[in-house]
């Protein structure tokens, strides 16, 4: 009985870990991607404004 409980407990850990990794991949990484994209856009706009004012 204890061996079966240990196996279920191990599988439950993998399930919870997978859900956590899925949440990180779904929410945290895209937020960083948007931050990088906005930063690149601001740099481009800045260079465009500087080149137009010369």
Protein backbone atom coordinates (compact mmCIF):
# COMPACT_ATOMS: atom_id res chain seq x y z
CA UNK A 1 0.00 0.00 0.00
CA UNK A 2 2.79 2.45 0.84
CA UNK A 3 4.53 1.76 -2.47
CA UNK A 4 1.34 2.65 -4.34
CA UNK A 5 0.94 5.85 -2.30
CA UNK A 6 4.56 6.80 -3.01
CA UNK A 7 4.00 6.34 -6.75
CA UNK A 8 0.85 8.50 -6.68
CA UNK A 9 2.69 11.14 -4.67
CA UNK A 10 5.55 11.14 -7.18
CA UNK A 11 3.16 11.47 -10.11
CA UNK A 12 1.29 14.26 -8.34
CA UNK A 13 4.58 16.15 -8.01
CA UNK A 14 5.24 15.82 -11.73
CA UNK A 15 1.70 17.02 -12.52
CA UNK A 16 2.01 20.09 -10.28
CA UNK A 17 5.47 20.84 -11.67
CA UNK A 18 4.19 20.59 -15.24
CA UNK A 19 1.32 22.96 -14.50
CA UNK A 20 3.77 25.44 -12.94
CA UNK A 21 6.08 25.30 -15.95
CA UNK A 22 3.08 25.74 -18.26
CA UNK A 23 1.97 28.84 -16.37
CA UNK A 24 5.48 30.31 -16.58
CA UNK A 25 5.73 29.60 -20.32
CA UNK A 26 2.23 30.95 -20.97
CA UNK A 27 2.31 34.18 -18.97
CA UNK A 28 5.82 35.22 -17.90
CA UNK A 29 7.79 34.66 -21.11
CA UNK A 30 5.32 36.47 -23.43
CA UNK A 31 5.36 39.46 -21.06
CA UNK A 32 9.15 39.68 -21.42
CA UNK A 33 8.74 39.36 -25.19
CA UNK A 34 6.36 42.34 -25.23
CA UNK A 35 8.77 44.35 -23.07
CA UNK A 36 11.61 43.64 -25.51
CA UNK A 37 9.41 44.48 -28.51
CA UNK A 38 8.28 47.80 -27.00
CA UNK A 39 11.88 48.67 -26.11
CA UNK A 40 13.02 47.97 -29.66
CA UNK A 41 10.15 50.09 -31.00
CA UNK A 42 11.08 52.99 -28.74
CA UNK A 43 14.71 52.79 -29.85
CA UNK A 44 13.62 52.81 -33.52
CA UNK A 45 11.31 55.79 -32.98
CA UNK A 46 14.08 57.63 -31.15
CA UNK A 47 16.54 57.08 -33.97
CA UNK A 48 13.90 58.17 -36.50
CA UNK A 49 13.20 61.41 -34.59
CA UNK A 50 16.92 62.16 -34.23
CA UNK A 51 17.54 61.61 -37.96
CA UNK A 52 14.60 63.84 -38.96
CA UNK A 53 15.76 66.76 -36.76
CA UNK A 54 19.28 67.02 -38.19
